Amino acid sequence: VRLAEEGFKAPLDLVDGAARVYDPIVRGEAGDDVNGVFLKDYEASPW
């Protein structure tokens, strides 16, 4: 509560966080397996 009063905003909101969890599930169901990779902005990225 104190941080919010001071104007702190989390870098991810609930919708963005949920989309980042859900996107690989939907892609996997469509046949595009994305396991074992680092995802940045919904794309595979080097570590």
PDB file of N, CA and C in Angstrom:
ATOM      1  N   VAL A   1       0.841  -1.189   0.000  1.00  0.00           N
ATOM      2  CA  VAL A   1       0.000   0.000   0.000  1.00  0.00           C
ATOM      3  C   VAL A   1       0.879   1.244   0.000  1.00  0.00           C
ATOM      4  N   ARG A   2       1.945   1.224   0.792  1.00  0.00           N
ATOM      5  CA  ARG A   2       2.817   2.395   0.865  1.00  0.00           C
ATOM      6  C   ARG A   2       3.444   2.697  -0.492  1.00  0.00           C
ATOM      7  N   LEU A   3       3.876   1.652  -1.195  1.00  0.00           N
ATOM      8  CA  LEU A   3       4.500   1.867  -2.496  1.00  0.00           C
ATOM      9  C   LEU A   3       3.513   2.462  -3.496  1.00  0.00           C
ATOM     10  N   ALA A   4       2.281   2.001  -3.466  1.00  0.00           N
ATOM     11  CA  ALA A   4       1.262   2.548  -4.360  1.00  0.00           C
ATOM     12  C   ALA A   4       0.997   4.011  -4.048  1.00  0.00           C
ATOM     13  N   GLU A   5       1.007   4.354  -2.774  1.00  0.00           N
ATOM     14  CA  GLU A   5       0.801   5.745  -2.380  1.00  0.00           C
ATOM     15  C   GLU A   5       1.937   6.635  -2.865  1.00  0.00           C
ATOM     16  N   GLU A   6       3.133   6.067  -2.989  1.00  0.00           N
ATOM     17  CA  GLU A   6       4.289   6.827  -3.462  1.00  0.00           C
ATOM     18  C   GLU A   6       4.384   6.842  -4.987  1.00  0.00           C
ATOM     19  N   GLY A   7       3.435   6.200  -5.673  1.00  0.00           N
ATOM     20  CA  GLY A   7       3.392   6.230  -7.126  1.00  0.00           C
ATOM     21  C   GLY A   7       4.071   5.064  -7.818  1.00  0.00           C
ATOM     22  N   PHE A   8       4.458   4.033  -7.056  1.00  0.00           N
ATOM     23  CA  PHE A   8       5.104   2.869  -7.676  1.00  0.00           C
ATOM     24  C   PHE A   8       4.109   2.117  -8.537  1.00  0.00           C
ATOM     25  N   LYS A   9       4.537   1.765  -9.756  1.00  0.00           N
ATOM     26  CA  LYS A   9       3.729   0.930 -10.648  1.00  0.00           C
ATOM     27  C   LYS A   9       4.537  -0.296 -11.004  1.00  0.00           C
ATOM     28  N   ALA A  10       3.932  -1.463 -10.862  1.00  0.00           N
ATOM     29  CA  ALA A  10       4.606  -2.713 -11.216  1.00  0.00           C
ATOM     30  C   ALA A  10       4.873  -2.746 -12.722  1.00  0.00           C
ATOM     31  N   PRO A  11       5.991  -3.350 -13.150  1.00  0.00           N
ATOM     32  CA  PRO A  11       6.291  -3.379 -14.582  1.00  0.00           C
ATOM     33  C   PRO A  11       5.305  -4.214 -15.398  1.00  0.00           C
ATOM     34  N   LEU A  12       4.646  -5.182 -14.777  1.00  0.00           N
ATOM     35  CA  LEU A  12       3.639  -5.991 -15.455  1.00  0.00           C
ATOM     36  C   LEU A  12       2.314  -5.852 -14.728  1.00  0.00           C
ATOM     37  N   ASP A  13       1.239  -5.691 -15.493  1.00  0.00           N
ATOM     38  CA  ASP A  13      -0.064  -5.711 -14.846  1.00  0.00           C
ATOM     39  C   ASP A  13      -0.625  -7.133 -14.917  1.00  0.00           C
ATOM     40  N   LEU A  14      -1.776  -7.337 -14.349  1.00  0.00           N
ATOM     41  CA  LEU A  14      -2.353  -8.684 -14.298  1.00  0.00           C
ATOM     42  C   LEU A  14      -2.650  -9.252 -15.684  1.00  0.00           C
ATOM     43  N   VAL A  15      -3.128  -8.424 -16.579  1.00  0.00           N
ATOM     44  CA  VAL A  15      -3.471  -8.895 -17.923  1.00  0.00           C
ATOM     45  C   VAL A  15      -2.207  -9.307 -18.677  1.00  0.00           C
ATOM     46  N   ASP A  16      -1.154  -8.509 -18.591  1.00  0.00           N
ATOM     47  CA  ASP A  16       0.097  -8.843 -19.273  1.00  0.00           C
ATOM     48  C   ASP A  16       0.703 -10.117 -18.694  1.00  0.00           C
ATOM     49  N   GLY A  17       0.693 -10.244 -17.389  1.00  0.00           N
ATOM     50  CA  GLY A  17       1.225 -11.448 -16.751  1.00  0.00           C
ATOM     51  C   GLY A  17       0.461 -12.694 -17.168  1.00  0.00           C
ATOM     52  N   ALA A  18      -0.859 -12.590 -17.208  1.00  0.00           N
ATOM     53  CA  ALA A  18      -1.682 -13.732 -17.616  1.00  0.00           C
ATOM     54  C   ALA A  18      -1.426 -14.095 -19.078  1.00  0.00           C
ATOM     55  N   ALA A  19      -1.256 -13.104 -19.931  1.00  0.00           N
ATOM     56  CA  ALA A  19      -0.996 -13.369 -21.348  1.00  0.00           C
ATOM     57  C   ALA A  19       0.334 -14.078 -21.539  1.00  0.00           C
ATOM     58  N   ARG A  20       1.343 -13.714 -20.743  1.00  0.00           N
ATOM     59  CA  ARG A  20       2.663 -14.339 -20.870  1.00  0.00           C
ATOM     60  C   ARG A  20       2.643 -15.793 -20.396  1.00  0.00           C
ATOM     61  N   VAL A  21       1.745 -16.122 -19.497  1.00  0.00           N
ATOM     62  CA  VAL A  21       1.601 -17.514 -19.059  1.00  0.00           C
ATOM     63  C   VAL A  21       0.753 -18.302 -20.062  1.00  0.00           C
ATOM     64  N   TYR A  22      -0.293 -17.685 -20.557  1.00  0.00           N
ATOM     65  CA  TYR A  22      -1.266 -18.373 -21.408  1.00  0.00           C
ATOM     66  C   TYR A  22      -0.788 -18.559 -22.846  1.00  0.00           C
ATOM     67  N   ASP A  23      -0.003 -17.633 -23.377  1.00  0.00           N
ATOM     68  CA  ASP A  23       0.435 -17.693 -24.773  1.00  0.00           C
ATOM     69  C   ASP A  23       1.147 -19.000 -25.120  1.00  0.00           C
ATOM     70  N   PRO A  24       2.132 -19.475 -24.332  1.00  0.00           N
ATOM     71  CA  PRO A  24       2.772 -20.753 -24.682  1.00  0.00           C
ATOM     72  C   PRO A  24       1.810 -21.943 -24.655  1.00  0.00           C
ATOM     73  N   ILE A  25       0.793 -21.874 -23.820  1.00  0.00           N
ATOM     74  CA  ILE A  25      -0.199 -22.951 -23.771  1.00  0.00           C
ATOM     75  C   ILE A  25      -0.986 -22.987 -25.076  1.00  0.00           C
ATOM     76  N   VAL A  26      -1.454 -21.835 -25.510  1.00  0.00           N
ATOM     77  CA  VAL A  26      -2.225 -21.756 -26.752  1.00  0.00           C
ATOM     78  C   VAL A  26      -1.364 -22.159 -27.942  1.00  0.00           C
ATOM     79  N   ARG A  27      -0.126 -21.695 -27.980  1.00  0.00           N
ATOM     80  CA  ARG A  27       0.768 -22.056 -29.084  1.00  0.00           C
ATOM     81  C   ARG A  27       1.058 -23.551 -29.079  1.00  0.00           C
ATOM     82  N   GLY A  28       1.213 -24.141 -27.907  1.00  0.00           N
ATOM     83  CA  GLY A  28       1.441 -25.583 -27.820  1.00  0.00           C
ATOM     84  C   GLY A  28       0.260 -26.380 -28.329  1.00  0.00           C
ATOM     85  N   GLU A  29      -0.934 -25.938 -28.002  1.00  0.00           N
ATOM     86  CA  GLU A  29      -2.135 -26.612 -28.498  1.00  0.00           C
ATOM     87  C   GLU A  29      -2.253 -26.499 -30.013  1.00  0.00           C
ATOM     88  N   ALA A  30      -1.694 -25.441 -30.579  1.00  0.00           N
ATOM     89  CA  ALA A  30      -1.739 -25.249 -32.033  1.00  0.00           C
ATOM     90  C   ALA A  30      -0.607 -25.988 -32.744  1.00  0.00           C
ATOM     91  N   GLY A  31       0.261 -26.683 -31.976  1.00  0.00           N
ATOM     92  CA  GLY A  31       1.337 -27.457 -32.580  1.00  0.00           C
ATOM     93  C   GLY A  31       2.690 -26.774 -32.564  1.00  0.00           C
ATOM     94  N   ASP A  32       2.782 -25.573 -32.016  1.00  0.00           N
ATOM     95  CA  ASP A  32       4.045 -24.830 -31.948  1.00  0.00           C
ATOM     96  C   ASP A  32       4.598 -24.953 -30.530  1.00  0.00           C
ATOM     97  N   ASP A  33       5.309 -26.059 -30.260  1.00  0.00           N
ATOM     98  CA  ASP A  33       5.848 -26.278 -28.914  1.00  0.00           C
ATOM     99  C   ASP A  33       6.966 -25.285 -28.622  1.00  0.00           C
ATOM    100  N   VAL A  34       6.886 -24.636 -27.485  1.00  0.00           N
ATOM    101  CA  VAL A  34       7.872 -23.621 -27.113  1.00  0.00           C
ATOM    102  C   VAL A  34       8.499 -23.950 -25.763  1.00  0.00           C
ATOM    103  N   ASN A  35       8.786 -25.222 -25.523  1.00  0.00           N
ATOM    104  CA  ASN A  35       9.388 -25.593 -24.246  1.00  0.00           C
ATOM    105  C   ASN A  35      10.907 -25.566 -24.350  1.00  0.00           C
ATOM    106  N   GLY A  36      11.568 -25.264 -23.245  1.00  0.00           N
ATOM    107  CA  GLY A  36      13.021 -25.263 -23.184  1.00  0.00           C
ATOM    108  C   GLY A  36      13.678 -24.047 -23.797  1.00  0.00           C
ATOM    109  N   VAL A  37      12.924 -22.993 -24.025  1.00  0.00           N
ATOM    110  CA  VAL A  37      13.494 -21.765 -24.581  1.00  0.00           C
ATOM    111  C   VAL A  37      13.145 -20.589 -23.676  1.00  0.00           C
ATOM    112  N   PHE A  38      13.903 -19.525 -23.804  1.00  0.00           N
ATOM    113  CA  PHE A  38      13.628 -18.276 -23.097  1.00  0.00           C
ATOM    114  C   PHE A  38      12.734 -17.431 -23.991  1.00  0.00           C
ATOM    115  N   LEU A  39      11.555 -17.081 -23.495  1.00  0.00           N
ATOM    116  CA  LEU A  39      10.631 -16.270 -24.281  1.00  0.00           C
ATOM    117  C   LEU A  39      10.734 -14.809 -23.856  1.00  0.00           C
ATOM    118  N   LYS A  40      10.966 -13.954 -24.824  1.00  0.00           N
ATOM    119  CA  LYS A  40      10.989 -12.515 -24.575  1.00  0.00           C
ATOM    120  C   LYS A  40      10.045 -11.880 -25.587  1.00  0.00           C
ATOM    121  N   ASP A  41       9.057 -11.181 -25.101  1.00  0.00           N
ATOM    122  CA  ASP A  41       8.035 -10.580 -25.966  1.00  0.00           C
ATOM    123  C   ASP A  41       7.413 -11.626 -26.886  1.00  0.00           C
ATOM    124  N   TYR A  42       7.128 -12.778 -26.317  1.00  0.00           N
ATOM    125  CA  TYR A  42       6.420 -13.880 -26.969  1.00  0.00           C
ATOM    126  C   TYR A  42       7.227 -14.566 -28.066  1.00  0.00           C
ATOM    127  N   GLU A  43       8.523 -14.323 -28.164  1.00  0.00           N
ATOM    128  CA  GLU A  43       9.384 -14.961 -29.153  1.00  0.00           C
ATOM    129  C   GLU A  43      10.571 -15.611 -28.457  1.00  0.00           C
ATOM    130  N   ALA A  44      11.098 -16.706 -29.031  1.00  0.00           N
ATOM    131  CA  ALA A  44      12.291 -17.349 -28.484  1.00  0.00           C
ATOM    132  C   ALA A  44      13.465 -16.387 -28.596  1.00  0.00           C
ATOM    133  N   SER A  45      14.234 -16.305 -27.517  1.00  0.00           N
ATOM    134  CA  SER A  45      15.354 -15.371 -27.461  1.00  0.00           C
ATOM    135  C   SER A  45      16.547 -16.079 -26.838  1.00  0.00           C
ATOM    136  N   PRO A  46      17.775 -15.707 -27.231  1.00  0.00           N
ATOM    137  CA  PRO A  46      18.947 -16.339 -26.603  1.00  0.00           C
ATOM    138  C   PRO A  46      19.070 -15.931 -25.141  1.00  0.00           C
ATOM    139  N   TRP A  47      19.656 -16.818 -24.340  1.00  0.00           N
ATOM    140  CA  TRP A  47      19.881 -16.503 -22.934  1.00  0.00           C
ATOM    141  C   TRP A  47      20.939 -15.459 -22.884  1.00  0.00           C
TER     142      TRP A  47
END
